[in-house]
Amino acid sequence: MAAGILPRWPVAAGTFIVRGRIVATYNVLVNLTLSIDEDTFVRARNKAALLGKSLNQLILDYLQDLASIDNRGQSIEEFRRLSGQGNSRGWHFDRNEIHERS
C-alpha cells in the first residue's frame, strides 16, 4: 500500500475512514404537509393502491420526476434526433381504418 494512504473501510453504517479521517454520510428527509380535501385524498389513495403503491410513494415518484426535468430535455432532444429515421416499409397511418367499428 502506498505511504500515507489508508484504506477505506466502514466503521459503522454510513461512516467510513478515508485517509485517516472519519467521514459520515447521511440522508436528510424533509416532512411535507399537503392540504387537500378528503374526497381528493381518498380518490388519490385508491388510485395509488390500484397501482400497487402508497400515496406517499406516488407523490414521491412524481416529485422525483418533476425534479429531474433536465433529463426530459435530453429525452426530447434524443426524440427529435431520432425522429424520421424509421422505415415503415410503405405502411401509412389510416385514421378512418383505425376508427372503424365492428
PDB file of N, CA and C in Angstrom:
ATOM      1  N   MET A   1       0.852  -1.171   0.000  1.00  0.00           N
ATOM      2  CA  MET A   1       0.000   0.000   0.000  1.00  0.00           C
ATOM      3  C   MET A   1       0.897   1.232   0.000  1.00  0.00           C
ATOM      4  N   ALA A   2       0.496   2.272  -0.765  1.00  0.00           N
ATOM      5  CA  ALA A   2       1.289   3.490  -0.871  1.00  0.00           C
ATOM      6  C   ALA A   2       1.365   4.187   0.480  1.00  0.00           C
ATOM      7  N   ALA A   3       2.497   4.812   0.737  1.00  0.00           N
ATOM      8  CA  ALA A   3       2.695   5.504   2.007  1.00  0.00           C
ATOM      9  C   ALA A   3       1.714   6.659   2.148  1.00  0.00           C
ATOM     10  N   GLY A   4       1.145   6.819   3.323  1.00  0.00           N
ATOM     11  CA  GLY A   4       0.265   7.943   3.606  1.00  0.00           C
ATOM     12  C   GLY A   4      -1.176   7.750   3.160  1.00  0.00           C
ATOM     13  N   ILE A   5      -1.488   6.641   2.486  1.00  0.00           N
ATOM     14  CA  ILE A   5      -2.863   6.401   2.041  1.00  0.00           C
ATOM     15  C   ILE A   5      -3.410   5.218   2.823  1.00  0.00           C
ATOM     16  N   LEU A   6      -4.429   5.501   3.591  1.00  0.00           N
ATOM     17  CA  LEU A   6      -5.063   4.448   4.381  1.00  0.00           C
ATOM     18  C   LEU A   6      -6.230   3.862   3.599  1.00  0.00           C
ATOM     19  N   PRO A   7      -6.527   2.598   3.799  1.00  0.00           N
ATOM     20  CA  PRO A   7      -7.675   2.006   3.098  1.00  0.00           C
ATOM     21  C   PRO A   7      -8.979   2.620   3.581  1.00  0.00           C
ATOM     22  N   ARG A   8      -9.976   2.501   2.756  1.00  0.00           N
ATOM     23  CA  ARG A   8     -11.312   2.987   3.101  1.00  0.00           C
ATOM     24  C   ARG A   8     -12.114   1.797   3.595  1.00  0.00           C
ATOM     25  N   TRP A   9     -12.553   1.848   4.841  1.00  0.00           N
ATOM     26  CA  TRP A   9     -13.349   0.750   5.373  1.00  0.00           C
ATOM     27  C   TRP A   9     -14.441   1.304   6.277  1.00  0.00           C
ATOM     28  N   PRO A  10     -15.563   0.584   6.351  1.00  0.00           N
ATOM     29  CA  PRO A  10     -16.672   1.072   7.181  1.00  0.00           C
ATOM     30  C   PRO A  10     -16.366   0.960   8.669  1.00  0.00           C
ATOM     31  N   VAL A  11     -16.729   1.989   9.409  1.00  0.00           N
ATOM     32  CA  VAL A  11     -16.617   1.987  10.862  1.00  0.00           C
ATOM     33  C   VAL A  11     -17.970   1.632  11.451  1.00  0.00           C
ATOM     34  N   ALA A  12     -19.006   2.274  10.945  1.00  0.00           N
ATOM     35  CA  ALA A  12     -20.393   1.999  11.319  1.00  0.00           C
ATOM     36  C   ALA A  12     -21.213   2.290  10.070  1.00  0.00           C
ATOM     37  N   ALA A  13     -22.490   1.942  10.089  1.00  0.00           N
ATOM     38  CA  ALA A  13     -23.333   2.162   8.913  1.00  0.00           C
ATOM     39  C   ALA A  13     -23.254   3.620   8.477  1.00  0.00           C
ATOM     40  N   GLY A  14     -22.840   3.842   7.236  1.00  0.00           N
ATOM     41  CA  GLY A  14     -22.765   5.198   6.698  1.00  0.00           C
ATOM     42  C   GLY A  14     -21.544   5.971   7.152  1.00  0.00           C
ATOM     43  N   THR A  15     -20.604   5.340   7.870  1.00  0.00           N
ATOM     44  CA  THR A  15     -19.399   6.014   8.349  1.00  0.00           C
ATOM     45  C   THR A  15     -18.177   5.265   7.848  1.00  0.00           C
ATOM     46  N   PHE A  16     -17.207   6.004   7.316  1.00  0.00           N
ATOM     47  CA  PHE A  16     -16.003   5.404   6.758  1.00  0.00           C
ATOM     48  C   PHE A  16     -14.781   6.154   7.260  1.00  0.00           C
ATOM     49  N   ILE A  17     -13.642   5.475   7.235  1.00  0.00           N
ATOM     50  CA  ILE A  17     -12.370   6.154   7.482  1.00  0.00           C
ATOM     51  C   ILE A  17     -11.697   6.316   6.132  1.00  0.00           C
ATOM     52  N   VAL A  18     -11.424   7.549   5.761  1.00  0.00           N
ATOM     53  CA  VAL A  18     -10.769   7.850   4.498  1.00  0.00           C
ATOM     54  C   VAL A  18      -9.553   8.703   4.804  1.00  0.00           C
ATOM     55  N   ARG A  19      -8.377   8.192   4.454  1.00  0.00           N
ATOM     56  CA  ARG A  19      -7.113   8.894   4.706  1.00  0.00           C
ATOM     57  C   ARG A  19      -6.983   9.341   6.155  1.00  0.00           C
ATOM     58  N   GLY A  20      -7.365   8.451   7.060  1.00  0.00           N
ATOM     59  CA  GLY A  20      -7.197   8.716   8.476  1.00  0.00           C
ATOM     60  C   GLY A  20      -8.282   9.575   9.105  1.00  0.00           C
ATOM     61  N   ARG A  21      -9.276   9.967   8.339  1.00  0.00           N
ATOM     62  CA  ARG A  21     -10.359  10.786   8.876  1.00  0.00           C
ATOM     63  C   ARG A  21     -11.671  10.034   8.797  1.00  0.00           C
ATOM     64  N   ILE A  22     -12.512  10.277   9.792  1.00  0.00           N
ATOM     65  CA  ILE A  22     -13.835   9.653   9.796  1.00  0.00           C
ATOM     66  C   ILE A  22     -14.760  10.516   8.952  1.00  0.00           C
ATOM     67  N   VAL A  23     -15.394   9.881   7.980  1.00  0.00           N
ATOM     68  CA  VAL A  23     -16.328  10.563   7.090  1.00  0.00           C
ATOM     69  C   VAL A  23     -17.685   9.885   7.238  1.00  0.00           C
ATOM     70  N   ALA A  24     -18.708  10.660   7.501  1.00  0.00           N
ATOM     71  CA  ALA A  24     -20.052  10.113   7.665  1.00  0.00           C
ATOM     72  C   ALA A  24     -20.935  10.587   6.519  1.00  0.00           C
ATOM     73  N   THR A  25     -21.735   9.691   6.017  1.00  0.00           N
ATOM     74  CA  THR A  25     -22.731  10.048   5.012  1.00  0.00           C
ATOM     75  C   THR A  25     -24.103   9.829   5.614  1.00  0.00           C
ATOM     76  N   TYR A  26     -25.028  10.687   5.264  1.00  0.00           N
ATOM     77  CA  TYR A  26     -26.374  10.545   5.782  1.00  0.00           C
ATOM     78  C   TYR A  26     -27.362  11.209   4.838  1.00  0.00           C
ATOM     79  N   ASN A  27     -28.589  10.768   4.922  1.00  0.00           N
ATOM     80  CA  ASN A  27     -29.674  11.341   4.142  1.00  0.00           C
ATOM     81  C   ASN A  27     -30.513  12.227   5.044  1.00  0.00           C
ATOM     82  N   VAL A  28     -30.985  13.303   4.493  1.00  0.00           N
ATOM     83  CA  VAL A  28     -31.878  14.189   5.228  1.00  0.00           C
ATOM     84  C   VAL A  28     -33.259  14.057   4.606  1.00  0.00           C
ATOM     85  N   LEU A  29     -34.236  13.728   5.414  1.00  0.00           N
ATOM     86  CA  LEU A  29     -35.603  13.633   4.939  1.00  0.00           C
ATOM     87  C   LEU A  29     -36.359  14.870   5.391  1.00  0.00           C
ATOM     88  N   VAL A  30     -37.190  15.372   4.522  1.00  0.00           N
ATOM     89  CA  VAL A  30     -37.986  16.551   4.831  1.00  0.00           C
ATOM     90  C   VAL A  30     -39.440  16.124   4.876  1.00  0.00           C
ATOM     91  N   ASN A  31     -40.136  16.487   5.931  1.00  0.00           N
ATOM     92  CA  ASN A  31     -41.564  16.228   6.007  1.00  0.00           C
ATOM     93  C   ASN A  31     -42.297  17.308   5.230  1.00  0.00           C
ATOM     94  N   LEU A  32     -43.302  16.891   4.479  1.00  0.00           N
ATOM     95  CA  LEU A  32     -44.076  17.801   3.660  1.00  0.00           C
ATOM     96  C   LEU A  32     -45.540  17.656   4.053  1.00  0.00           C
ATOM     97  N   THR A  33     -46.195  18.770   4.297  1.00  0.00           N
ATOM     98  CA  THR A  33     -47.604  18.743   4.640  1.00  0.00           C
ATOM     99  C   THR A  33     -48.402  19.273   3.462  1.00  0.00           C
ATOM    100  N   LEU A  34     -49.395  18.511   3.036  1.00  0.00           N
ATOM    101  CA  LEU A  34     -50.271  18.931   1.944  1.00  0.00           C
ATOM    102  C   LEU A  34     -51.663  19.203   2.500  1.00  0.00           C
ATOM    103  N   SER A  35     -52.301  20.195   1.956  1.00  0.00           N
ATOM    104  CA  SER A  35     -53.688  20.479   2.339  1.00  0.00           C
ATOM    105  C   SER A  35     -54.580  20.164   1.143  1.00  0.00           C
ATOM    106  N   ILE A  36     -55.324  19.062   1.259  1.00  0.00           N
ATOM    107  CA  ILE A  36     -56.249  18.666   0.195  1.00  0.00           C
ATOM    108  C   ILE A  36     -57.557  18.230   0.839  1.00  0.00           C
ATOM    109  N   ASP A  37     -58.615  18.311   0.057  1.00  0.00           N
ATOM    110  CA  ASP A  37     -59.901  17.899   0.618  1.00  0.00           C
ATOM    111  C   ASP A  37     -59.946  16.374   0.740  1.00  0.00           C
ATOM    112  N   GLU A  38     -60.804  15.899   1.618  1.00  0.00           N
ATOM    113  CA  GLU A  38     -60.856  14.478   1.935  1.00  0.00           C
ATOM    114  C   GLU A  38     -61.222  13.627   0.725  1.00  0.00           C
ATOM    115  N   ASP A  39     -62.136  14.115  -0.123  1.00  0.00           N
ATOM    116  CA  ASP A  39     -62.539  13.358  -1.305  1.00  0.00           C
ATOM    117  C   ASP A  39     -61.359  13.137  -2.250  1.00  0.00           C
ATOM    118  N   THR A  40     -60.590  14.182  -2.472  1.00  0.00           N
ATOM    119  CA  THR A  40     -59.401  14.062  -3.328  1.00  0.00           C
ATOM    120  C   THR A  40     -58.407  13.087  -2.719  1.00  0.00           C
ATOM    121  N   PHE A  41     -58.217  13.187  -1.415  1.00  0.00           N
ATOM    122  CA  PHE A  41     -57.296  12.282  -0.720  1.00  0.00           C
ATOM    123  C   PHE A  41     -57.713  10.825  -0.895  1.00  0.00           C
ATOM    124  N   VAL A  42     -58.990  10.536  -0.672  1.00  0.00           N
ATOM    125  CA  VAL A  42     -59.485   9.156  -0.764  1.00  0.00           C
ATOM    126  C   VAL A  42     -59.345   8.635  -2.192  1.00  0.00           C
ATOM    127  N   ARG A  43     -59.733   9.443  -3.180  1.00  0.00           N
ATOM    128  CA  ARG A  43     -59.620   9.001  -4.577  1.00  0.00           C
ATOM    129  C   ARG A  43     -58.168   8.779  -4.982  1.00  0.00           C
ATOM    130  N   ALA A  44     -57.278   9.670  -4.550  1.00  0.00           N
ATOM    131  CA  ALA A  44     -55.856   9.523  -4.875  1.00  0.00           C
ATOM    132  C   ALA A  44     -55.268   8.290  -4.200  1.00  0.00           C
ATOM    133  N   ARG A  45     -55.636   8.055  -2.946  1.00  0.00           N
ATOM    134  CA  ARG A  45     -55.137   6.884  -2.228  1.00  0.00           C
ATOM    135  C   ARG A  45     -55.626   5.600  -2.895  1.00  0.00           C
ATOM    136  N   ASN A  46     -56.877   5.591  -3.355  1.00  0.00           N
ATOM    137  CA  ASN A  46     -57.416   4.411  -4.043  1.00  0.00           C
ATOM    138  C   ASN A  46     -56.706   4.164  -5.368  1.00  0.00           C
ATOM    139  N   LYS A  47     -56.442   5.227  -6.116  1.00  0.00           N
ATOM    140  CA  LYS A  47     -55.715   5.061  -7.383  1.00  0.00           C
ATOM    141  C   LYS A  47     -54.298   4.579  -7.138  1.00  0.00           C
ATOM    142  N   ALA A  48     -53.653   5.094  -6.096  1.00  0.00           N
ATOM    143  CA  ALA A  48     -52.306   4.636  -5.750  1.00  0.00           C
ATOM    144  C   ALA A  48     -52.335   3.143  -5.416  1.00  0.00           C
ATOM    145  N   ALA A  49     -53.349   2.712  -4.681  1.00  0.00           N
ATOM    146  CA  ALA A  49     -53.471   1.296  -4.322  1.00  0.00           C
ATOM    147  C   ALA A  49     -53.643   0.431  -5.570  1.00  0.00           C
ATOM    148  N   LEU A  50     -54.409   0.926  -6.548  1.00  0.00           N
ATOM    149  CA  LEU A  50     -54.569   0.181  -7.795  1.00  0.00           C
ATOM    150  C   LEU A  50     -53.243   0.028  -8.543  1.00  0.00           C
ATOM    151  N   LEU A  51     -52.356   0.989  -8.341  1.00  0.00           N
ATOM    152  CA  LEU A  51     -51.030   0.933  -8.963  1.00  0.00           C
ATOM    153  C   LEU A  51     -50.035   0.148  -8.113  1.00  0.00           C
ATOM    154  N   GLY A  52     -50.511  -0.340  -6.950  1.00  0.00           N
ATOM    155  CA  GLY A  52     -49.645  -1.115  -6.067  1.00  0.00           C
ATOM    156  C   GLY A  52     -48.677  -0.245  -5.284  1.00  0.00           C
ATOM    157  N   LYS A  53     -49.047   1.010  -5.060  1.00  0.00           N
ATOM    158  CA  LYS A  53     -48.179   1.941  -4.340  1.00  0.00           C
ATOM    159  C   LYS A  53     -48.963   2.628  -3.241  1.00  0.00           C
ATOM    160  N   SER A  54     -48.218   3.185  -2.292  1.00  0.00           N
ATOM    161  CA  SER A  54     -48.845   4.031  -1.291  1.00  0.00           C
ATOM    162  C   SER A  54     -48.982   5.429  -1.900  1.00  0.00           C
ATOM    163  N   LEU A  55     -49.841   6.225  -1.326  1.00  0.00           N
ATOM    164  CA  LEU A  55     -49.984   7.601  -1.797  1.00  0.00           C
ATOM    165  C   LEU A  55     -48.675   8.349  -1.593  1.00  0.00           C
ATOM    166  N   ASN A  56     -47.993   8.083  -0.500  1.00  0.00           N
ATOM    167  CA  ASN A  56     -46.695   8.699  -0.243  1.00  0.00           C
ATOM    168  C   ASN A  56     -45.711   8.372  -1.367  1.00  0.00           C
ATOM    169  N   GLN A  57     -45.640   7.096  -1.778  1.00  0.00           N
ATOM    170  CA  GLN A  57     -44.716   6.689  -2.837  1.00  0.00           C
ATOM    171  C   GLN A  57     -45.097   7.319  -4.164  1.00  0.00           C
ATOM    172  N   LEU A  58     -46.387   7.411  -4.442  1.00  0.00           N
ATOM    173  CA  LEU A  58     -46.848   8.018  -5.686  1.00  0.00           C
ATOM    174  C   LEU A  58     -46.442   9.488  -5.756  1.00  0.00           C
ATOM    175  N   ILE A  59     -46.616  10.211  -4.645  1.00  0.00           N
ATOM    176  CA  ILE A  59     -46.229  11.621  -4.598  1.00  0.00           C
ATOM    177  C   ILE A  59     -44.716  11.755  -4.697  1.00  0.00           C
ATOM    178  N   LEU A  60     -43.974  10.885  -4.010  1.00  0.00           N
ATOM    179  CA  LEU A  60     -42.516  10.908  -4.084  1.00  0.00           C
ATOM    180  C   LEU A  60     -42.049  10.666  -5.510  1.00  0.00           C
ATOM    181  N   ASP A  61     -42.628   9.678  -6.190  1.00  0.00           N
ATOM    182  CA  ASP A  61     -42.275   9.404  -7.586  1.00  0.00           C
ATOM    183  C   ASP A  61     -42.515  10.636  -8.459  1.00  0.00           C
ATOM    184  N   TYR A  62     -43.660  11.287  -8.263  1.00  0.00           N
ATOM    185  CA  TYR A  62     -43.986  12.473  -9.046  1.00  0.00           C
ATOM    186  C   TYR A  62     -42.971  13.590  -8.789  1.00  0.00           C
ATOM    187  N   LEU A  63     -42.641  13.839  -7.528  1.00  0.00           N
ATOM    188  CA  LEU A  63     -41.703  14.907  -7.200  1.00  0.00           C
ATOM    189  C   LEU A  63     -40.306  14.611  -7.736  1.00  0.00           C
ATOM    190  N   GLN A  64     -39.893  13.342  -7.685  1.00  0.00           N
ATOM    191  CA  GLN A  64     -38.593  12.977  -8.247  1.00  0.00           C
ATOM    192  C   GLN A  64     -38.587  13.170  -9.760  1.00  0.00           C
ATOM    193  N   ASP A  65     -39.694  12.817 -10.403  1.00  0.00           N
ATOM    194  CA  ASP A  65     -39.819  13.020 -11.843  1.00  0.00           C
ATOM    195  C   ASP A  65     -39.794  14.506 -12.170  1.00  0.00           C
ATOM    196  N   LEU A  66     -40.496  15.288 -11.395  1.00  0.00           N
ATOM    197  CA  LEU A  66     -40.527  16.733 -11.585  1.00  0.00           C
ATOM    198  C   LEU A  66     -39.145  17.343 -11.396  1.00  0.00           C
ATOM    199  N   ALA A  67     -38.423  16.869 -10.398  1.00  0.00           N
ATOM    200  CA  ALA A  67     -37.100  17.398 -10.108  1.00  0.00           C
ATOM    201  C   ALA A  67     -36.081  17.009 -11.167  1.00  0.00           C
ATOM    202  N   SER A  68     -36.353  15.968 -11.942  1.00  0.00           N
ATOM    203  CA  SER A  68     -35.412  15.524 -12.970  1.00  0.00           C
ATOM    204  C   SER A  68     -35.792  16.074 -14.337  1.00  0.00           C
ATOM    205  N   ILE A  69     -36.365  17.249 -14.360  1.00  0.00           N
ATOM    206  CA  ILE A  69     -36.831  17.857 -15.606  1.00  0.00           C
ATOM    207  C   ILE A  69     -35.704  17.992 -16.635  1.00  0.00           C
ATOM    208  N   ASP A  70     -34.459  18.148 -16.189  1.00  0.00           N
ATOM    209  CA  ASP A  70     -33.339  18.265 -17.114  1.00  0.00           C
ATOM    210  C   ASP A  70     -33.213  17.022 -17.978  1.00  0.00           C
ATOM    211  N   ASN A  71     -33.492  15.855 -17.396  1.00  0.00           N
ATOM    212  CA  ASN A  71     -33.431  14.610 -18.161  1.00  0.00           C
ATOM    213  C   ASN A  71     -34.481  14.596 -19.264  1.00  0.00           C
ATOM    214  N   ARG A  72     -35.615  15.253 -19.014  1.00  0.00           N
ATOM    215  CA  ARG A  72     -36.646  15.315 -20.044  1.00  0.00           C
ATOM    216  C   ARG A  72     -36.147  16.093 -21.252  1.00  0.00           C
ATOM    217  N   GLY A  73     -35.420  17.160 -20.992  1.00  0.00           N
ATOM    218  CA  GLY A  73     -34.862  17.930 -22.091  1.00  0.00           C
ATOM    219  C   GLY A  73     -33.953  17.082 -22.953  1.00  0.00           C
ATOM    220  N   GLN A  74     -33.149  16.231 -22.311  1.00  0.00           N
ATOM    221  CA  GLN A  74     -32.282  15.321 -23.056  1.00  0.00           C
ATOM    222  C   GLN A  74     -33.114  14.307 -23.827  1.00  0.00           C
ATOM    223  N   SER A  75     -34.196  13.816 -23.217  1.00  0.00           N
ATOM    224  CA  SER A  75     -35.055  12.851 -23.891  1.00  0.00           C
ATOM    225  C   SER A  75     -35.737  13.475 -25.104  1.00  0.00           C
ATOM    226  N   ILE A  76     -36.180  14.701 -24.951  1.00  0.00           N
ATOM    227  CA  ILE A  76     -36.828  15.398 -26.070  1.00  0.00           C
ATOM    228  C   ILE A  76     -35.839  15.594 -27.204  1.00  0.00           C
ATOM    229  N   GLU A  77     -34.617  15.979 -26.865  1.00  0.00           N
ATOM    230  CA  GLU A  77     -33.586  16.173 -27.894  1.00  0.00           C
ATOM    231  C   GLU A  77     -33.285  14.859 -28.601  1.00  0.00           C
ATOM    232  N   GLU A  78     -33.200  13.766 -27.843  1.00  0.00           N
ATOM    233  CA  GLU A  78     -32.948  12.460 -28.453  1.00  0.00           C
ATOM    234  C   GLU A  78     -34.110  12.063 -29.356  1.00  0.00           C
ATOM    235  N   PHE A  79     -35.347  12.321 -28.919  1.00  0.00           N
ATOM    236  CA  PHE A  79     -36.522  12.026 -29.733  1.00  0.00           C
ATOM    237  C   PHE A  79     -36.457  12.789 -31.052  1.00  0.00           C
ATOM    238  N   ARG A  80     -36.135  14.072 -30.976  1.00  0.00           N
ATOM    239  CA  ARG A  80     -36.031  14.884 -32.200  1.00  0.00           C
ATOM    240  C   ARG A  80     -34.931  14.366 -33.117  1.00  0.00           C
ATOM    241  N   ARG A  81     -33.811  13.972 -32.512  1.00  0.00           N
ATOM    242  CA  ARG A  81     -32.682  13.472 -33.304  1.00  0.00           C
ATOM    243  C   ARG A  81     -33.045  12.174 -34.026  1.00  0.00           C
ATOM    244  N   LEU A  82     -33.818  11.321 -33.351  1.00  0.00           N
ATOM    245  CA  LEU A  82     -34.152  10.022 -33.931  1.00  0.00           C
ATOM    246  C   LEU A  82     -35.412  10.047 -34.794  1.00  0.00           C
ATOM    247  N   SER A  83     -36.227  11.086 -34.685  1.00  0.00           N
ATOM    248  CA  SER A  83     -37.486  11.161 -35.438  1.00  0.00           C
ATOM    249  C   SER A  83     -37.225  11.140 -36.934  1.00  0.00           C
ATOM    250  N   GLY A  84     -38.064  10.398 -37.616  1.00  0.00           N
ATOM    251  CA  GLY A  84     -37.968  10.344 -39.076  1.00  0.00           C
ATOM    252  C   GLY A  84     -36.916   9.397 -39.594  1.00  0.00           C
ATOM    253  N   GLN A  85     -36.279   8.650 -38.711  1.00  0.00           N
ATOM    254  CA  GLN A  85     -35.231   7.736 -39.159  1.00  0.00           C
ATOM    255  C   GLN A  85     -35.727   6.296 -39.278  1.00  0.00           C
ATOM    256  N   GLY A  86     -37.007   6.086 -39.009  1.00  0.00           N
ATOM    257  CA  GLY A  86     -37.552   4.738 -39.090  1.00  0.00           C
ATOM    258  C   GLY A  86     -37.924   4.365 -40.518  1.00  0.00           C
ATOM    259  N   ASN A  87     -38.305   3.108 -40.723  1.00  0.00           N
ATOM    260  CA  ASN A  87     -38.720   2.630 -42.031  1.00  0.00           C
ATOM    261  C   ASN A  87     -40.060   1.924 -41.867  1.00  0.00           C
ATOM    262  N   SER A  88     -41.119   2.530 -42.384  1.00  0.00           N
ATOM    263  CA  SER A  88     -42.455   1.958 -42.243  1.00  0.00           C
ATOM    264  C   SER A  88     -42.758   0.925 -43.319  1.00  0.00           C
ATOM    265  N   ARG A  89     -41.825   0.701 -44.220  1.00  0.00           N
ATOM    266  CA  ARG A  89     -41.979  -0.258 -45.327  1.00  0.00           C
ATOM    267  C   ARG A  89     -43.246   0.019 -46.129  1.00  0.00           C
ATOM    268  N   GLY A  90     -43.551   1.303 -46.322  1.00  0.00           N
ATOM    269  CA  GLY A  90     -44.683   1.694 -47.144  1.00  0.00           C
ATOM    270  C   GLY A  90     -46.005   1.815 -46.415  1.00  0.00           C
ATOM    271  N   TRP A  91     -46.065   1.387 -45.150  1.00  0.00           N
ATOM    272  CA  TRP A  91     -47.318   1.480 -44.406  1.00  0.00           C
ATOM    273  C   TRP A  91     -47.576   2.925 -44.037  1.00  0.00           C
ATOM    274  N   HIS A  92     -48.835   3.353 -44.196  1.00  0.00           N
ATOM    275  CA  HIS A  92     -49.231   4.704 -43.818  1.00  0.00           C
ATOM    276  C   HIS A  92     -50.393   4.624 -42.830  1.00  0.00           C
ATOM    277  N   PHE A  93     -50.398   5.523 -41.890  1.00  0.00           N
ATOM    278  CA  PHE A  93     -51.458   5.612 -40.894  1.00  0.00           C
ATOM    279  C   PHE A  93     -52.763   5.978 -41.587  1.00  0.00           C
ATOM    280  N   ASP A  94     -53.826   5.215 -41.338  1.00  0.00           N
ATOM    281  CA  ASP A  94     -55.142   5.488 -41.912  1.00  0.00           C
ATOM    282  C   ASP A  94     -56.123   5.685 -40.765  1.00  0.00           C
ATOM    283  N   ARG A  95     -56.443   6.934 -40.490  1.00  0.00           N
ATOM    284  CA  ARG A  95     -57.304   7.279 -39.355  1.00  0.00           C
ATOM    285  C   ARG A  95     -58.675   6.603 -39.467  1.00  0.00           C
ATOM    286  N   ASN A  96     -59.254   6.603 -40.632  1.00  0.00           N
ATOM    287  CA  ASN A  96     -60.589   6.002 -40.812  1.00  0.00           C
ATOM    288  C   ASN A  96     -60.561   4.502 -40.521  1.00  0.00           C
ATOM    289  N   GLU A  97     -59.544   3.810 -40.967  1.00  0.00           N
ATOM    290  CA  GLU A  97     -59.422   2.378 -40.727  1.00  0.00           C
ATOM    291  C   GLU A  97     -59.296   2.091 -39.228  1.00  0.00           C
ATOM    292  N   ILE A  98     -58.537   2.893 -38.515  1.00  0.00           N
ATOM    293  CA  ILE A  98     -58.336   2.696 -37.089  1.00  0.00           C
ATOM    294  C   ILE A  98     -59.650   2.860 -36.317  1.00  0.00           C
ATOM    295  N   HIS A  99     -60.502   3.780 -36.782  1.00  0.00           N
ATOM    296  CA  HIS A  99     -61.734   4.077 -36.048  1.00  0.00           C
ATOM    297  C   HIS A  99     -62.963   3.314 -36.562  1.00  0.00           C
ATOM    298  N   GLU A 100     -62.760   2.355 -37.466  1.00  0.00           N
ATOM    299  CA  GLU A 100     -63.891   1.561 -37.931  1.00  0.00           C
ATOM    300  C   GLU A 100     -64.469   0.748 -36.788  1.00  0.00           C
ATOM    301  N   ARG A 101     -65.750   0.681 -36.730  1.00  0.00           N
ATOM    302  CA  ARG A 101     -66.441  -0.088 -35.691  1.00  0.00           C
ATOM    303  C   ARG A 101     -66.820  -1.456 -36.255  1.00  0.00           C
ATOM    304  N   SER A 102     -66.690  -2.499 -35.420  1.00  0.00           N
ATOM    305  CA  SER A 102     -67.062  -3.839 -35.910  1.00  0.00           C
ATOM    306  C   SER A 102     -68.521  -4.080 -35.664  1.00  0.00           C
TER     307      SER A 102
END
